[in-house]
N, C-alpha and C. Protein backbone atom coordinates (compact mmCIF):
# COMPACT_ATOMS: atom_id res chain seq x y z
N MET A 1 0.85 -1.18 0.00
CA MET A 1 0.00 0.00 0.00
C MET A 1 0.88 1.23 0.00
N THR A 2 1.65 1.39 -1.03
CA THR A 2 2.64 2.45 -1.08
C THR A 2 2.04 3.84 -1.20
N HIS A 3 0.74 3.96 -1.45
CA HIS A 3 0.14 5.28 -1.57
C HIS A 3 -0.05 5.96 -0.21
N ILE A 4 0.10 5.23 0.88
CA ILE A 4 -0.02 5.80 2.22
C ILE A 4 1.37 6.09 2.74
N THR A 5 1.63 7.35 3.02
CA THR A 5 2.95 7.76 3.50
C THR A 5 3.04 7.59 5.01
N PRO A 6 4.25 7.54 5.56
CA PRO A 6 4.41 7.49 7.02
C PRO A 6 3.74 8.69 7.70
N ASP A 7 3.80 9.86 7.08
CA ASP A 7 3.14 11.04 7.67
C ASP A 7 1.62 10.86 7.71
N HIS A 8 1.06 10.30 6.65
CA HIS A 8 -0.38 10.04 6.62
C HIS A 8 -0.76 9.04 7.71
N ARG A 9 0.03 7.99 7.83
CA ARG A 9 -0.23 6.97 8.86
C ARG A 9 -0.22 7.58 10.25
N SER A 10 0.81 8.38 10.55
CA SER A 10 0.92 9.03 11.87
C SER A 10 -0.26 9.96 12.12
N ALA A 11 -0.64 10.73 11.10
CA ALA A 11 -1.76 11.65 11.24
C ALA A 11 -3.07 10.89 11.47
N PHE A 12 -3.26 9.78 10.75
CA PHE A 12 -4.47 8.98 10.92
C PHE A 12 -4.57 8.45 12.34
N ILE A 13 -3.48 7.89 12.85
CA ILE A 13 -3.48 7.35 14.21
C ILE A 13 -3.75 8.45 15.23
N ALA A 14 -3.16 9.62 15.03
CA ALA A 14 -3.41 10.76 15.93
C ALA A 14 -4.89 11.17 15.87
N ASP A 15 -5.47 11.16 14.67
CA ASP A 15 -6.88 11.51 14.53
C ASP A 15 -7.78 10.50 15.23
N VAL A 16 -7.44 9.22 15.17
CA VAL A 16 -8.23 8.20 15.87
C VAL A 16 -8.17 8.45 17.37
N ARG A 17 -7.00 8.78 17.88
CA ARG A 17 -6.86 9.07 19.31
C ARG A 17 -7.66 10.32 19.69
N THR A 18 -7.62 11.34 18.84
CA THR A 18 -8.39 12.56 19.09
C THR A 18 -9.88 12.25 19.13
N PHE A 19 -10.32 11.42 18.21
CA PHE A 19 -11.72 11.01 18.16
C PHE A 19 -12.11 10.26 19.44
N ALA A 20 -11.28 9.31 19.86
CA ALA A 20 -11.56 8.56 21.09
C ALA A 20 -11.57 9.49 22.30
N ASP A 21 -10.64 10.42 22.36
CA ASP A 21 -10.61 11.39 23.47
C ASP A 21 -11.87 12.24 23.48
N PHE A 22 -12.33 12.66 22.30
CA PHE A 22 -13.56 13.44 22.20
C PHE A 22 -14.74 12.65 22.74
N LEU A 23 -14.87 11.39 22.33
CA LEU A 23 -15.98 10.57 22.81
C LEU A 23 -15.92 10.36 24.31
N THR A 24 -14.71 10.19 24.84
CA THR A 24 -14.54 10.03 26.28
C THR A 24 -14.96 11.29 27.02
N ALA A 25 -14.58 12.44 26.49
CA ALA A 25 -14.85 13.72 27.15
C ALA A 25 -16.28 14.20 26.93
N THR A 26 -17.00 13.59 26.01
CA THR A 26 -18.34 14.06 25.66
C THR A 26 -19.32 12.89 25.75
N PRO A 27 -19.66 12.47 26.97
CA PRO A 27 -20.47 11.26 27.14
C PRO A 27 -21.90 11.37 26.60
N TYR A 28 -22.39 12.56 26.35
CA TYR A 28 -23.76 12.70 25.86
C TYR A 28 -23.86 12.58 24.34
N VAL A 29 -22.72 12.41 23.66
CA VAL A 29 -22.74 12.17 22.22
C VAL A 29 -22.86 10.66 22.00
N PRO A 30 -23.87 10.22 21.24
CA PRO A 30 -24.02 8.77 21.03
C PRO A 30 -22.86 8.20 20.21
N VAL A 31 -22.60 6.94 20.45
CA VAL A 31 -21.56 6.23 19.70
C VAL A 31 -22.23 5.11 18.91
N PRO A 32 -21.60 4.67 17.82
CA PRO A 32 -22.18 3.57 17.05
C PRO A 32 -22.03 2.24 17.79
N ALA A 33 -22.78 1.26 17.34
CA ALA A 33 -22.68 -0.08 17.92
C ALA A 33 -21.32 -0.70 17.63
N HIS A 34 -20.74 -0.32 16.49
CA HIS A 34 -19.43 -0.85 16.10
C HIS A 34 -18.78 0.12 15.12
N LEU A 35 -17.51 -0.07 14.89
CA LEU A 35 -16.76 0.77 13.95
C LEU A 35 -15.94 -0.13 13.05
N ASP A 36 -16.05 0.09 11.76
CA ASP A 36 -15.30 -0.69 10.77
C ASP A 36 -14.30 0.21 10.07
N VAL A 37 -13.06 -0.23 10.04
CA VAL A 37 -12.01 0.46 9.29
C VAL A 37 -11.61 -0.48 8.17
N THR A 38 -11.70 -0.01 6.94
CA THR A 38 -11.40 -0.86 5.78
C THR A 38 -10.34 -0.19 4.92
N VAL A 39 -9.35 -0.97 4.54
CA VAL A 39 -8.31 -0.49 3.63
C VAL A 39 -8.37 -1.32 2.35
N PHE A 40 -8.05 -0.66 1.24
CA PHE A 40 -8.06 -1.29 -0.07
C PHE A 40 -6.71 -1.07 -0.74
N PRO A 41 -5.90 -2.11 -0.91
CA PRO A 41 -4.67 -1.93 -1.69
C PRO A 41 -5.05 -1.53 -3.11
N MET A 42 -4.42 -0.49 -3.62
CA MET A 42 -4.77 0.02 -4.94
C MET A 42 -3.69 -0.21 -5.98
N ASN A 43 -2.48 -0.46 -5.55
CA ASN A 43 -1.36 -0.55 -6.49
C ASN A 43 -1.24 -1.95 -7.07
N GLY A 44 -0.84 -2.04 -8.34
CA GLY A 44 -0.56 -3.32 -8.97
C GLY A 44 -1.81 -4.03 -9.44
N GLY A 45 -1.58 -5.21 -10.00
CA GLY A 45 -2.67 -6.03 -10.48
C GLY A 45 -3.20 -6.94 -9.39
N ASP A 46 -4.03 -7.89 -9.80
CA ASP A 46 -4.65 -8.80 -8.84
C ASP A 46 -3.63 -9.50 -7.94
N GLU A 47 -2.57 -10.04 -8.52
CA GLU A 47 -1.58 -10.79 -7.73
C GLU A 47 -0.90 -9.91 -6.70
N VAL A 48 -0.57 -8.69 -7.07
CA VAL A 48 0.10 -7.76 -6.14
C VAL A 48 -0.85 -7.39 -5.01
N ARG A 49 -2.11 -7.10 -5.34
CA ARG A 49 -3.08 -6.73 -4.29
C ARG A 49 -3.37 -7.91 -3.37
N ARG A 50 -3.48 -9.12 -3.94
CA ARG A 50 -3.71 -10.30 -3.10
C ARG A 50 -2.51 -10.55 -2.18
N ALA A 51 -1.31 -10.35 -2.70
CA ALA A 51 -0.11 -10.52 -1.87
C ALA A 51 -0.11 -9.54 -0.71
N GLU A 52 -0.62 -8.34 -0.94
CA GLU A 52 -0.70 -7.35 0.14
C GLU A 52 -1.70 -7.81 1.20
N ILE A 53 -2.81 -8.39 0.79
CA ILE A 53 -3.77 -8.93 1.76
C ILE A 53 -3.14 -10.08 2.54
N ASP A 54 -2.40 -10.95 1.86
CA ASP A 54 -1.69 -12.04 2.55
C ASP A 54 -0.72 -11.48 3.58
N ARG A 55 0.01 -10.43 3.23
CA ARG A 55 0.97 -9.81 4.15
C ARG A 55 0.24 -9.24 5.37
N ILE A 56 -0.86 -8.55 5.13
CA ILE A 56 -1.63 -7.97 6.23
C ILE A 56 -2.19 -9.08 7.12
N ALA A 57 -2.68 -10.17 6.51
CA ALA A 57 -3.21 -11.29 7.29
C ALA A 57 -2.13 -11.89 8.18
N THR A 58 -0.92 -11.97 7.69
CA THR A 58 0.19 -12.49 8.50
C THR A 58 0.43 -11.58 9.70
N VAL A 59 0.44 -10.28 9.46
CA VAL A 59 0.65 -9.32 10.56
C VAL A 59 -0.49 -9.40 11.58
N LEU A 60 -1.72 -9.53 11.09
CA LEU A 60 -2.88 -9.60 11.97
C LEU A 60 -3.03 -10.96 12.64
N GLY A 61 -2.39 -11.99 12.08
CA GLY A 61 -2.57 -13.34 12.60
C GLY A 61 -3.92 -13.91 12.22
N THR A 62 -4.40 -13.57 11.01
CA THR A 62 -5.72 -13.99 10.57
C THR A 62 -5.62 -14.78 9.27
N THR A 63 -6.75 -15.34 8.86
CA THR A 63 -6.83 -16.06 7.60
C THR A 63 -7.42 -15.13 6.54
N THR A 64 -7.43 -15.61 5.31
CA THR A 64 -8.03 -14.85 4.21
C THR A 64 -9.22 -15.61 3.67
N GLU A 65 -10.07 -14.89 2.97
CA GLU A 65 -11.20 -15.52 2.29
C GLU A 65 -11.44 -14.77 0.99
N CYS A 66 -12.06 -15.46 0.05
CA CYS A 66 -12.36 -14.85 -1.24
C CYS A 66 -13.82 -15.12 -1.57
N ASP A 67 -14.52 -14.06 -1.97
CA ASP A 67 -15.92 -14.18 -2.32
C ASP A 67 -16.24 -13.14 -3.38
N ALA A 68 -16.73 -13.58 -4.51
CA ALA A 68 -17.17 -12.69 -5.59
C ALA A 68 -16.09 -11.70 -6.00
N GLY A 69 -14.85 -12.16 -6.02
CA GLY A 69 -13.76 -11.30 -6.45
C GLY A 69 -13.23 -10.35 -5.39
N HIS A 70 -13.64 -10.55 -4.15
CA HIS A 70 -13.15 -9.75 -3.03
C HIS A 70 -12.30 -10.66 -2.13
N TYR A 71 -11.01 -10.42 -2.12
CA TYR A 71 -10.07 -11.20 -1.32
C TYR A 71 -9.80 -10.38 -0.07
N ARG A 72 -10.07 -10.95 1.11
CA ARG A 72 -10.04 -10.12 2.31
C ARG A 72 -9.56 -10.86 3.54
N THR A 73 -9.23 -10.05 4.52
CA THR A 73 -8.90 -10.52 5.85
C THR A 73 -9.42 -9.48 6.83
N SER A 74 -9.66 -9.89 8.06
CA SER A 74 -10.13 -8.93 9.05
C SER A 74 -9.79 -9.40 10.45
N ARG A 75 -9.78 -8.44 11.34
CA ARG A 75 -9.57 -8.74 12.75
C ARG A 75 -10.40 -7.78 13.57
N ALA A 76 -11.09 -8.34 14.56
CA ALA A 76 -11.91 -7.52 15.45
C ALA A 76 -11.13 -7.20 16.71
N PHE A 77 -11.27 -5.97 17.13
CA PHE A 77 -10.72 -5.49 18.40
C PHE A 77 -11.93 -5.05 19.22
N GLY A 78 -12.62 -6.04 19.78
CA GLY A 78 -13.88 -5.72 20.46
C GLY A 78 -14.89 -5.24 19.43
N ARG A 79 -15.37 -4.03 19.61
CA ARG A 79 -16.38 -3.46 18.71
C ARG A 79 -15.78 -2.74 17.51
N VAL A 80 -14.48 -2.76 17.39
CA VAL A 80 -13.80 -2.13 16.26
C VAL A 80 -13.19 -3.22 15.39
N SER A 81 -13.46 -3.14 14.09
CA SER A 81 -12.92 -4.13 13.15
C SER A 81 -12.01 -3.46 12.14
N TYR A 82 -10.91 -4.14 11.83
CA TYR A 82 -9.97 -3.71 10.80
C TYR A 82 -10.09 -4.71 9.67
N ARG A 83 -10.37 -4.22 8.48
CA ARG A 83 -10.50 -5.08 7.30
C ARG A 83 -9.57 -4.61 6.21
N ALA A 84 -9.05 -5.56 5.47
CA ALA A 84 -8.27 -5.26 4.27
C ALA A 84 -8.89 -6.06 3.14
N VAL A 85 -9.20 -5.38 2.05
CA VAL A 85 -9.91 -6.01 0.94
C VAL A 85 -9.22 -5.67 -0.38
N ALA A 86 -8.95 -6.69 -1.17
CA ALA A 86 -8.45 -6.50 -2.53
C ALA A 86 -9.57 -6.88 -3.48
N VAL A 87 -9.99 -5.93 -4.28
CA VAL A 87 -11.05 -6.16 -5.25
C VAL A 87 -10.39 -6.53 -6.58
N SER A 88 -10.76 -7.70 -7.11
CA SER A 88 -10.13 -8.18 -8.34
C SER A 88 -10.49 -7.28 -9.52
N ASP A 89 -9.66 -7.33 -10.54
CA ASP A 89 -9.94 -6.58 -11.76
C ASP A 89 -11.29 -6.99 -12.35
N GLY A 90 -11.58 -8.30 -12.32
CA GLY A 90 -12.86 -8.78 -12.85
C GLY A 90 -14.05 -8.23 -12.09
N ALA A 91 -13.95 -8.19 -10.76
CA ALA A 91 -15.04 -7.65 -9.94
C ALA A 91 -15.21 -6.15 -10.21
N ARG A 92 -14.10 -5.44 -10.38
CA ARG A 92 -14.19 -4.01 -10.71
C ARG A 92 -14.86 -3.81 -12.06
N GLU A 93 -14.53 -4.66 -13.03
CA GLU A 93 -15.14 -4.56 -14.36
C GLU A 93 -16.64 -4.85 -14.30
N ARG A 94 -17.03 -5.86 -13.51
CA ARG A 94 -18.46 -6.17 -13.36
C ARG A 94 -19.20 -5.00 -12.72
N TRP A 95 -18.59 -4.38 -11.71
CA TRP A 95 -19.21 -3.22 -11.04
C TRP A 95 -19.35 -2.05 -12.02
N ASP A 96 -18.29 -1.79 -12.78
CA ASP A 96 -18.35 -0.71 -13.77
C ASP A 96 -19.44 -0.97 -14.80
N ALA A 97 -19.58 -2.22 -15.23
CA ALA A 97 -20.62 -2.56 -16.20
C ALA A 97 -22.01 -2.32 -15.60
N LEU A 98 -22.20 -2.76 -14.36
CA LEU A 98 -23.48 -2.54 -13.69
C LEU A 98 -23.78 -1.05 -13.56
N MET A 99 -22.80 -0.29 -13.14
CA MET A 99 -23.00 1.14 -12.93
C MET A 99 -23.19 1.90 -14.24
N SER A 100 -22.80 1.30 -15.36
CA SER A 100 -23.00 1.97 -16.65
C SER A 100 -24.49 2.14 -16.96
N TYR A 101 -25.34 1.38 -16.28
CA TYR A 101 -26.78 1.51 -16.46
C TYR A 101 -27.39 2.57 -15.54
N ASP A 102 -26.60 3.12 -14.64
CA ASP A 102 -27.10 4.12 -13.69
C ASP A 102 -27.72 5.29 -14.46
N GLY A 103 -28.94 5.59 -14.14
CA GLY A 103 -29.64 6.70 -14.79
C GLY A 103 -30.30 6.33 -16.10
N ALA A 104 -30.11 5.10 -16.56
CA ALA A 104 -30.68 4.69 -17.85
C ALA A 104 -32.19 4.47 -17.75
N ILE A 105 -32.65 4.13 -16.57
CA ILE A 105 -34.07 3.90 -16.36
C ILE A 105 -34.56 4.87 -15.30
N THR A 106 -35.58 5.64 -15.66
CA THR A 106 -36.16 6.59 -14.72
C THR A 106 -37.60 6.16 -14.46
N PRO A 107 -37.92 5.80 -13.22
CA PRO A 107 -39.29 5.38 -12.93
C PRO A 107 -40.28 6.53 -13.19
N ASP A 108 -41.44 6.16 -13.66
CA ASP A 108 -42.50 7.14 -13.88
C ASP A 108 -43.12 7.46 -12.52
N PRO A 109 -43.00 8.72 -12.06
CA PRO A 109 -43.53 9.05 -10.73
C PRO A 109 -45.04 8.89 -10.64
N SER A 110 -45.73 8.91 -11.78
CA SER A 110 -47.19 8.75 -11.73
C SER A 110 -47.59 7.28 -11.61
N ALA A 111 -46.67 6.37 -11.89
CA ALA A 111 -46.96 4.94 -11.78
C ALA A 111 -46.73 4.51 -10.35
N ARG A 112 -47.78 4.52 -9.57
CA ARG A 112 -47.68 4.19 -8.15
C ARG A 112 -48.27 2.81 -7.89
N HIS A 113 -47.78 2.21 -6.82
CA HIS A 113 -48.33 0.94 -6.36
C HIS A 113 -49.78 1.20 -5.94
N LYS A 114 -50.62 0.19 -6.00
CA LYS A 114 -52.04 0.39 -5.69
C LYS A 114 -52.29 0.89 -4.27
N ASP A 115 -51.32 0.68 -3.34
CA ASP A 115 -51.52 1.20 -1.98
C ASP A 115 -50.92 2.59 -1.80
N GLY A 116 -50.51 3.23 -2.92
CA GLY A 116 -50.03 4.61 -2.85
C GLY A 116 -48.53 4.77 -2.78
N ARG A 117 -47.79 3.67 -2.70
CA ARG A 117 -46.32 3.80 -2.63
C ARG A 117 -45.74 4.09 -3.98
C-alpha cells in the first residue's frame, strides 16, 4: 500500500486518538454499535493486491477468504474491526458494467403501487 505515506499513517493514528478522546470527554454524544475500518490496496494487479492482503493477514494473525472477487482478511478489536480487501480486476469490471446503467431507467412518478407507494 505504497500510496499511504508514514506522515499520513501518523496523522491517521493521531486523529483516531483525538476522536476517542472526544468521545470520552463528551459522554452525551451517542456512539455507534461498532466501527469498521477498511483499507483497499490500490497498487498493482490482482496478484500484487492479493499478496498485500496475505501480508496484512500475516501481521494480523488472521486467515483470508475470497468471495465474488473480493479477497479479504479482518480482525476484530472488540467493537472495532480492521478489514483489508483487494477487489479483483474482474469484480471491478463487473461493477463498472453494472453502474453503466445508472440513470438509464427513470421510474414514472405517476406509476404508483395500488396502496399509494
